N, C-alpha and C. Protein backbone atom coordinates (compact mmCIF):
# COMPACT_ATOMS: atom_id res chain seq x y z
N UNK A 1 0.32 -21.63 -27.24
CA UNK A 1 -0.66 -20.57 -27.02
C UNK A 1 -1.14 -20.58 -25.57
N UNK A 2 -1.40 -21.76 -25.02
CA UNK A 2 -1.87 -21.88 -23.64
C UNK A 2 -0.83 -21.34 -22.67
N UNK A 3 0.44 -21.66 -22.88
CA UNK A 3 1.51 -21.18 -22.01
C UNK A 3 1.61 -19.66 -22.04
N UNK A 4 1.43 -19.10 -23.22
CA UNK A 4 1.47 -17.64 -23.35
C UNK A 4 0.34 -17.01 -22.55
N UNK A 5 -0.87 -17.59 -22.63
CA UNK A 5 -2.01 -17.06 -21.88
C UNK A 5 -1.77 -17.16 -20.38
N UNK A 6 -1.23 -18.27 -19.93
CA UNK A 6 -0.93 -18.45 -18.51
C UNK A 6 0.13 -17.44 -18.07
N UNK A 7 1.14 -17.23 -18.89
CA UNK A 7 2.19 -16.27 -18.57
C UNK A 7 1.63 -14.85 -18.46
N UNK A 8 0.76 -14.47 -19.39
CA UNK A 8 0.13 -13.15 -19.34
C UNK A 8 -0.72 -13.02 -18.09
N UNK A 9 -1.44 -14.07 -17.74
CA UNK A 9 -2.26 -14.05 -16.53
C UNK A 9 -1.41 -13.89 -15.27
N UNK A 10 -0.32 -14.61 -15.18
CA UNK A 10 0.56 -14.53 -14.01
C UNK A 10 1.20 -13.15 -13.92
N UNK A 11 1.70 -12.64 -15.03
CA UNK A 11 2.32 -11.30 -15.04
C UNK A 11 1.29 -10.24 -14.69
N UNK A 12 0.09 -10.35 -15.23
CA UNK A 12 -0.97 -9.39 -14.93
C UNK A 12 -1.35 -9.43 -13.46
N UNK A 13 -1.48 -10.63 -12.90
CA UNK A 13 -1.81 -10.75 -11.48
C UNK A 13 -0.71 -10.11 -10.63
N UNK A 14 0.52 -10.35 -10.98
CA UNK A 14 1.64 -9.74 -10.26
C UNK A 14 1.61 -8.23 -10.35
N UNK A 15 1.32 -7.71 -11.54
CA UNK A 15 1.25 -6.26 -11.71
C UNK A 15 0.11 -5.66 -10.89
N UNK A 16 -1.00 -6.36 -10.80
CA UNK A 16 -2.13 -5.87 -10.00
C UNK A 16 -1.75 -5.84 -8.52
N UNK A 17 -1.10 -6.89 -8.05
CA UNK A 17 -0.69 -6.94 -6.64
C UNK A 17 0.29 -5.82 -6.32
N UNK A 18 1.30 -5.64 -7.18
CA UNK A 18 2.28 -4.58 -6.97
C UNK A 18 1.60 -3.20 -7.04
N UNK A 19 0.74 -3.01 -8.03
CA UNK A 19 0.03 -1.74 -8.17
C UNK A 19 -0.88 -1.45 -6.99
N UNK A 20 -1.56 -2.48 -6.48
CA UNK A 20 -2.44 -2.29 -5.33
C UNK A 20 -1.64 -1.88 -4.09
N UNK A 21 -0.52 -2.55 -3.87
CA UNK A 21 0.33 -2.18 -2.73
C UNK A 21 0.84 -0.75 -2.87
N UNK A 22 1.25 -0.39 -4.07
CA UNK A 22 1.74 0.97 -4.33
C UNK A 22 0.63 1.99 -4.08
N UNK A 23 -0.56 1.71 -4.58
CA UNK A 23 -1.69 2.62 -4.42
C UNK A 23 -2.02 2.82 -2.94
N UNK A 24 -2.08 1.74 -2.18
CA UNK A 24 -2.39 1.86 -0.75
C UNK A 24 -1.30 2.64 -0.02
N UNK A 25 -0.05 2.31 -0.28
CA UNK A 25 1.05 3.02 0.39
C UNK A 25 1.05 4.51 0.07
N UNK A 26 0.83 4.85 -1.18
CA UNK A 26 0.82 6.26 -1.58
C UNK A 26 -0.41 6.98 -1.04
N UNK A 27 -1.55 6.30 -0.98
CA UNK A 27 -2.76 6.92 -0.41
C UNK A 27 -2.53 7.24 1.07
N UNK A 28 -1.91 6.32 1.80
CA UNK A 28 -1.59 6.56 3.21
C UNK A 28 -0.60 7.71 3.33
N UNK A 29 0.40 7.73 2.46
CA UNK A 29 1.39 8.81 2.48
C UNK A 29 0.72 10.17 2.29
N UNK A 30 -0.16 10.28 1.27
CA UNK A 30 -0.82 11.56 1.02
C UNK A 30 -1.79 11.93 2.13
N UNK A 31 -2.47 10.96 2.70
CA UNK A 31 -3.36 11.25 3.83
C UNK A 31 -2.57 11.84 4.98
N UNK A 32 -1.42 11.23 5.29
CA UNK A 32 -0.58 11.76 6.37
C UNK A 32 0.01 13.12 6.01
N UNK A 33 0.46 13.27 4.76
CA UNK A 33 1.05 14.52 4.31
C UNK A 33 0.05 15.68 4.40
N UNK A 34 -1.20 15.42 4.01
CA UNK A 34 -2.22 16.45 3.99
C UNK A 34 -3.00 16.54 5.30
N UNK A 35 -2.60 15.72 6.28
CA UNK A 35 -3.29 15.67 7.57
C UNK A 35 -4.79 15.45 7.36
N UNK A 36 -5.09 14.51 6.50
CA UNK A 36 -6.46 14.17 6.14
C UNK A 36 -6.75 12.75 6.60
N UNK A 37 -7.94 12.50 7.11
CA UNK A 37 -8.27 11.12 7.51
C UNK A 37 -8.14 10.15 6.32
N UNK A 38 -7.65 8.97 6.60
CA UNK A 38 -7.47 7.97 5.55
C UNK A 38 -8.78 7.61 4.87
N UNK A 39 -9.89 7.69 5.63
CA UNK A 39 -11.22 7.42 5.06
C UNK A 39 -11.53 8.41 3.93
N UNK A 40 -11.16 9.66 4.13
CA UNK A 40 -11.42 10.69 3.11
C UNK A 40 -10.60 10.39 1.85
N UNK A 41 -9.34 10.03 2.02
CA UNK A 41 -8.50 9.71 0.86
C UNK A 41 -9.05 8.49 0.14
N UNK A 42 -9.51 7.49 0.90
CA UNK A 42 -10.09 6.30 0.30
C UNK A 42 -11.36 6.59 -0.47
N UNK A 43 -12.18 7.49 0.08
CA UNK A 43 -13.45 7.83 -0.56
C UNK A 43 -13.29 8.80 -1.73
N UNK A 44 -12.12 9.38 -1.89
CA UNK A 44 -11.91 10.33 -2.98
C UNK A 44 -10.88 9.79 -3.97
N UNK A 45 -9.61 9.95 -3.66
CA UNK A 45 -8.55 9.60 -4.61
C UNK A 45 -8.56 8.12 -4.98
N UNK A 46 -8.63 7.25 -3.99
CA UNK A 46 -8.60 5.81 -4.27
C UNK A 46 -9.86 5.39 -5.02
N UNK A 47 -11.01 5.87 -4.56
CA UNK A 47 -12.27 5.50 -5.20
C UNK A 47 -12.32 5.98 -6.66
N UNK A 48 -11.93 7.21 -6.90
CA UNK A 48 -11.94 7.73 -8.27
C UNK A 48 -10.92 6.97 -9.13
N UNK A 49 -9.73 6.73 -8.58
CA UNK A 49 -8.70 6.01 -9.33
C UNK A 49 -9.12 4.61 -9.72
N UNK A 50 -9.79 3.90 -8.83
CA UNK A 50 -10.23 2.55 -9.15
C UNK A 50 -11.49 2.53 -10.01
N UNK A 51 -12.19 3.66 -10.08
CA UNK A 51 -13.41 3.74 -10.89
C UNK A 51 -13.15 4.19 -12.32
N UNK A 52 -11.97 4.70 -12.61
CA UNK A 52 -11.70 5.21 -13.96
C UNK A 52 -11.85 4.15 -15.05
N UNK A 53 -11.39 2.90 -14.83
CA UNK A 53 -11.64 1.89 -15.87
C UNK A 53 -13.13 1.65 -16.12
N UNK A 54 -13.93 1.63 -15.05
CA UNK A 54 -15.37 1.46 -15.21
C UNK A 54 -15.98 2.64 -15.95
N UNK A 55 -15.49 3.83 -15.65
CA UNK A 55 -15.98 5.01 -16.33
C UNK A 55 -15.71 4.93 -17.83
N UNK A 56 -14.50 4.54 -18.19
CA UNK A 56 -14.17 4.47 -19.62
C UNK A 56 -15.00 3.39 -20.32
N UNK A 57 -15.22 2.25 -19.68
CA UNK A 57 -16.05 1.20 -20.28
C UNK A 57 -17.48 1.69 -20.43
N UNK A 58 -18.01 2.33 -19.41
CA UNK A 58 -19.40 2.80 -19.46
C UNK A 58 -19.60 3.88 -20.51
N UNK A 59 -18.68 4.82 -20.61
CA UNK A 59 -18.79 5.86 -21.64
C UNK A 59 -18.68 5.25 -23.02
N UNK A 60 -17.74 4.34 -23.21
CA UNK A 60 -17.57 3.69 -24.50
C UNK A 60 -18.83 2.92 -24.89
N UNK A 61 -19.39 2.18 -23.95
CA UNK A 61 -20.61 1.41 -24.24
C UNK A 61 -21.78 2.33 -24.55
N UNK A 62 -21.92 3.41 -23.79
CA UNK A 62 -23.02 4.35 -24.01
C UNK A 62 -22.90 5.03 -25.37
N UNK A 63 -21.69 5.40 -25.76
CA UNK A 63 -21.49 6.05 -27.07
C UNK A 63 -21.82 5.13 -28.23
N UNK A 64 -21.63 3.84 -28.02
CA UNK A 64 -21.93 2.86 -29.06
C UNK A 64 -23.38 2.40 -29.02
N UNK A 65 -24.16 3.00 -28.13
CA UNK A 65 -25.58 2.67 -28.06
C UNK A 65 -25.91 1.48 -27.16
N UNK A 66 -24.95 1.02 -26.39
CA UNK A 66 -25.17 -0.10 -25.50
C UNK A 66 -25.32 0.39 -24.06
N UNK A 67 -26.34 1.19 -23.84
CA UNK A 67 -26.52 1.77 -22.51
C UNK A 67 -26.79 0.70 -21.46
N UNK A 68 -27.38 -0.44 -21.89
CA UNK A 68 -27.63 -1.50 -20.92
C UNK A 68 -26.32 -2.07 -20.37
N UNK A 69 -25.29 -2.13 -21.21
CA UNK A 69 -23.98 -2.59 -20.74
C UNK A 69 -23.38 -1.56 -19.79
N UNK A 70 -23.54 -0.28 -20.11
CA UNK A 70 -23.00 0.78 -19.26
C UNK A 70 -23.64 0.74 -17.88
N UNK A 71 -24.95 0.64 -17.84
CA UNK A 71 -25.66 0.61 -16.55
C UNK A 71 -25.33 -0.68 -15.79
N UNK A 72 -25.32 -1.80 -16.50
CA UNK A 72 -25.00 -3.08 -15.85
C UNK A 72 -23.58 -3.08 -15.30
N UNK A 73 -22.66 -2.46 -16.00
CA UNK A 73 -21.28 -2.35 -15.53
C UNK A 73 -21.22 -1.59 -14.21
N UNK A 74 -21.94 -0.50 -14.13
CA UNK A 74 -21.92 0.32 -12.92
C UNK A 74 -22.59 -0.41 -11.75
N UNK A 75 -23.76 -0.96 -12.00
CA UNK A 75 -24.48 -1.67 -10.93
C UNK A 75 -23.71 -2.91 -10.52
N UNK A 76 -23.23 -3.67 -11.50
CA UNK A 76 -22.48 -4.88 -11.20
C UNK A 76 -21.21 -4.58 -10.42
N UNK A 77 -20.54 -3.51 -10.77
CA UNK A 77 -19.32 -3.13 -10.06
C UNK A 77 -19.61 -2.78 -8.61
N UNK A 78 -20.70 -2.05 -8.38
CA UNK A 78 -21.06 -1.70 -7.00
C UNK A 78 -21.43 -2.93 -6.19
N UNK A 79 -22.17 -3.83 -6.79
CA UNK A 79 -22.54 -5.07 -6.09
C UNK A 79 -21.29 -5.89 -5.79
N UNK A 80 -20.40 -6.01 -6.77
CA UNK A 80 -19.16 -6.76 -6.57
C UNK A 80 -18.29 -6.11 -5.49
N UNK A 81 -18.21 -4.79 -5.50
CA UNK A 81 -17.41 -4.09 -4.49
C UNK A 81 -17.97 -4.29 -3.08
N UNK A 82 -19.28 -4.15 -2.95
CA UNK A 82 -19.89 -4.24 -1.62
C UNK A 82 -19.85 -5.66 -1.08
N UNK A 83 -20.23 -6.63 -1.90
CA UNK A 83 -20.36 -8.00 -1.39
C UNK A 83 -19.11 -8.84 -1.60
N UNK A 84 -18.60 -8.88 -2.81
CA UNK A 84 -17.46 -9.75 -3.11
C UNK A 84 -16.17 -9.21 -2.50
N UNK A 85 -15.83 -7.98 -2.84
CA UNK A 85 -14.56 -7.41 -2.39
C UNK A 85 -14.57 -7.20 -0.88
N UNK A 86 -15.65 -6.63 -0.36
CA UNK A 86 -15.73 -6.42 1.08
C UNK A 86 -15.73 -7.76 1.83
N UNK A 87 -16.45 -8.74 1.29
CA UNK A 87 -16.49 -10.06 1.92
C UNK A 87 -15.14 -10.75 1.92
N UNK A 88 -14.47 -10.73 0.77
CA UNK A 88 -13.14 -11.36 0.70
C UNK A 88 -12.11 -10.62 1.55
N UNK A 89 -12.21 -9.30 1.58
CA UNK A 89 -11.29 -8.52 2.42
C UNK A 89 -11.52 -8.84 3.89
N UNK A 90 -12.77 -8.98 4.29
CA UNK A 90 -13.08 -9.34 5.67
C UNK A 90 -12.62 -10.74 6.02
N UNK A 91 -12.63 -11.64 5.04
CA UNK A 91 -12.10 -12.98 5.27
C UNK A 91 -10.59 -12.95 5.46
N UNK A 92 -9.92 -12.11 4.69
CA UNK A 92 -8.46 -12.04 4.75
C UNK A 92 -7.98 -11.37 6.03
N UNK A 93 -8.71 -10.34 6.47
CA UNK A 93 -8.29 -9.61 7.66
C UNK A 93 -9.51 -8.88 8.21
N UNK A 94 -9.72 -8.91 9.51
CA UNK A 94 -10.89 -8.21 10.08
C UNK A 94 -10.88 -6.72 9.74
N UNK A 95 -12.02 -6.22 9.32
CA UNK A 95 -12.14 -4.82 8.95
C UNK A 95 -12.91 -4.07 10.03
N UNK A 96 -12.38 -2.94 10.46
CA UNK A 96 -13.12 -2.11 11.39
C UNK A 96 -13.96 -1.12 10.58
N UNK A 97 -15.17 -0.90 11.05
CA UNK A 97 -16.09 -0.01 10.35
C UNK A 97 -16.34 1.19 11.26
N UNK A 98 -16.07 2.37 10.73
CA UNK A 98 -16.26 3.59 11.50
C UNK A 98 -17.73 3.93 11.58
N UNK A 99 -18.09 4.64 12.64
CA UNK A 99 -19.49 5.04 12.82
C UNK A 99 -19.98 5.88 11.64
N UNK A 100 -19.10 6.72 11.09
CA UNK A 100 -19.50 7.57 9.97
C UNK A 100 -19.92 6.74 8.77
N UNK A 101 -19.32 5.57 8.61
CA UNK A 101 -19.70 4.70 7.49
C UNK A 101 -21.14 4.25 7.65
N UNK A 102 -21.51 3.89 8.85
CA UNK A 102 -22.87 3.39 9.10
C UNK A 102 -23.89 4.52 9.09
N UNK A 103 -23.57 5.64 9.71
CA UNK A 103 -24.56 6.69 9.90
C UNK A 103 -24.53 7.80 8.85
N UNK A 104 -23.50 7.85 8.01
CA UNK A 104 -23.45 8.90 6.97
C UNK A 104 -23.33 8.30 5.58
N UNK A 105 -22.30 7.51 5.37
CA UNK A 105 -22.03 7.00 4.02
C UNK A 105 -23.07 5.97 3.58
N UNK A 106 -23.46 5.09 4.48
CA UNK A 106 -24.48 4.09 4.16
C UNK A 106 -25.81 4.73 3.76
N UNK A 107 -26.35 5.61 4.62
CA UNK A 107 -27.59 6.29 4.23
C UNK A 107 -27.46 7.12 2.95
N UNK A 108 -26.30 7.72 2.73
CA UNK A 108 -26.09 8.49 1.49
C UNK A 108 -26.18 7.57 0.27
N UNK A 109 -25.57 6.38 0.37
CA UNK A 109 -25.64 5.41 -0.74
C UNK A 109 -27.09 4.99 -0.98
N UNK A 110 -27.83 4.75 0.09
CA UNK A 110 -29.24 4.36 -0.04
C UNK A 110 -30.03 5.50 -0.67
N UNK A 111 -29.80 6.72 -0.22
CA UNK A 111 -30.47 7.89 -0.79
C UNK A 111 -30.20 8.01 -2.29
N UNK A 112 -28.93 7.85 -2.68
CA UNK A 112 -28.58 7.97 -4.10
C UNK A 112 -29.23 6.86 -4.93
N UNK A 113 -29.34 5.67 -4.36
CA UNK A 113 -30.00 4.56 -5.08
C UNK A 113 -31.48 4.86 -5.26
N UNK A 114 -32.14 5.34 -4.22
CA UNK A 114 -33.56 5.71 -4.34
C UNK A 114 -33.73 6.83 -5.35
N UNK A 115 -32.84 7.81 -5.31
CA UNK A 115 -32.90 8.92 -6.27
C UNK A 115 -32.74 8.41 -7.70
N UNK A 116 -31.86 7.46 -7.91
CA UNK A 116 -31.70 6.87 -9.24
C UNK A 116 -33.01 6.27 -9.72
N UNK A 117 -33.69 5.53 -8.85
CA UNK A 117 -34.96 4.93 -9.23
C UNK A 117 -36.01 5.99 -9.53
N UNK A 118 -36.01 7.06 -8.76
CA UNK A 118 -36.95 8.16 -9.02
C UNK A 118 -36.66 8.79 -10.37
N UNK A 119 -35.39 9.01 -10.67
CA UNK A 119 -35.01 9.64 -11.94
C UNK A 119 -35.41 8.78 -13.14
N UNK A 120 -35.21 7.50 -13.07
CA UNK A 120 -35.43 6.66 -14.25
C UNK A 120 -36.84 6.09 -14.34
N UNK A 121 -37.62 6.20 -13.28
CA UNK A 121 -38.93 5.57 -13.27
C UNK A 121 -39.86 6.10 -14.36
N UNK A 122 -39.86 7.38 -14.59
CA UNK A 122 -40.82 7.95 -15.52
C UNK A 122 -40.47 7.69 -16.99
N UNK A 123 -39.19 7.63 -17.33
CA UNK A 123 -38.83 7.48 -18.74
C UNK A 123 -37.76 6.42 -18.99
N UNK A 124 -37.34 5.71 -17.95
CA UNK A 124 -36.35 4.62 -18.05
C UNK A 124 -35.08 5.04 -18.76
N UNK A 125 -34.69 6.27 -18.50
CA UNK A 125 -33.44 6.80 -19.02
C UNK A 125 -32.81 7.68 -17.96
N UNK A 126 -31.51 7.80 -18.03
CA UNK A 126 -30.81 8.77 -17.20
C UNK A 126 -30.32 9.84 -18.17
N UNK A 127 -30.95 10.98 -18.14
CA UNK A 127 -30.64 12.05 -19.09
C UNK A 127 -29.57 12.97 -18.53
N UNK A 128 -29.20 13.94 -19.35
CA UNK A 128 -28.12 14.85 -18.94
C UNK A 128 -28.43 15.61 -17.67
N UNK A 129 -29.66 16.08 -17.54
CA UNK A 129 -29.98 16.85 -16.34
C UNK A 129 -29.87 15.98 -15.08
N UNK A 130 -30.25 14.70 -15.18
CA UNK A 130 -30.07 13.81 -14.04
C UNK A 130 -28.60 13.53 -13.79
N UNK A 131 -27.82 13.39 -14.88
CA UNK A 131 -26.38 13.20 -14.76
C UNK A 131 -25.73 14.38 -14.06
N UNK A 132 -26.15 15.58 -14.43
CA UNK A 132 -25.63 16.79 -13.78
C UNK A 132 -26.02 16.78 -12.30
N UNK A 133 -27.25 16.38 -12.01
CA UNK A 133 -27.69 16.32 -10.61
C UNK A 133 -26.82 15.35 -9.81
N UNK A 134 -26.53 14.18 -10.39
CA UNK A 134 -25.68 13.21 -9.69
C UNK A 134 -24.27 13.76 -9.48
N UNK A 135 -23.71 14.41 -10.49
CA UNK A 135 -22.38 15.01 -10.33
C UNK A 135 -22.39 16.08 -9.25
N UNK A 136 -23.43 16.91 -9.23
CA UNK A 136 -23.56 17.95 -8.22
C UNK A 136 -23.66 17.34 -6.82
N UNK A 137 -24.48 16.29 -6.67
CA UNK A 137 -24.61 15.63 -5.37
C UNK A 137 -23.30 14.97 -4.95
N UNK A 138 -22.54 14.45 -5.92
CA UNK A 138 -21.24 13.87 -5.60
C UNK A 138 -20.28 14.94 -5.09
N UNK A 139 -20.30 16.09 -5.71
CA UNK A 139 -19.45 17.19 -5.26
C UNK A 139 -19.83 17.64 -3.85
N UNK A 140 -21.13 17.69 -3.56
CA UNK A 140 -21.58 18.02 -2.21
C UNK A 140 -21.09 16.97 -1.23
N UNK A 141 -21.20 15.70 -1.62
CA UNK A 141 -20.72 14.61 -0.78
C UNK A 141 -19.24 14.77 -0.48
N UNK A 142 -18.45 15.09 -1.49
CA UNK A 142 -17.00 15.29 -1.32
C UNK A 142 -16.74 16.48 -0.40
N UNK A 143 -17.49 17.57 -0.58
CA UNK A 143 -17.30 18.74 0.28
C UNK A 143 -17.57 18.40 1.75
N UNK A 144 -18.61 17.61 2.01
CA UNK A 144 -18.94 17.25 3.38
C UNK A 144 -17.87 16.36 4.00
N UNK A 145 -17.14 15.63 3.17
CA UNK A 145 -16.07 14.79 3.70
C UNK A 145 -14.99 15.60 4.40
N UNK A 146 -14.79 16.82 3.92
CA UNK A 146 -13.73 17.65 4.46
C UNK A 146 -14.18 18.50 5.65
N UNK A 147 -15.44 18.36 6.06
CA UNK A 147 -15.95 19.13 7.22
C UNK A 147 -16.21 18.22 8.38
């Protein structure tokens, strides 16, 4: 049983590495094909693609009445992405940070976090109208990426 688990772990790790390389190569290909900055492709296609598993877990947890797991999954994923993934990536290879990241994307993330606290402060829930507002703001964010 232990050998089987180790084998599944090794095969899964290999599949993740191959899939990650494929995703990066194809994202670069589409960015070049569409004459779009790689940052835009990363903030749209790559970000949405890597967030789909989190979305499915969060929706599943929320439907089963475990909204705390859904929210913790989202917050934990963002914390892990910002600190763990960014930190490990920076250890592996120096990362250049564009000015737009510091002066546009960073403040936008802070704004959205503050907005989340404003939305949930009064009733400690994120309701449909707030969900619609977040989706609308995300669409605006995506539109600004292309300008």
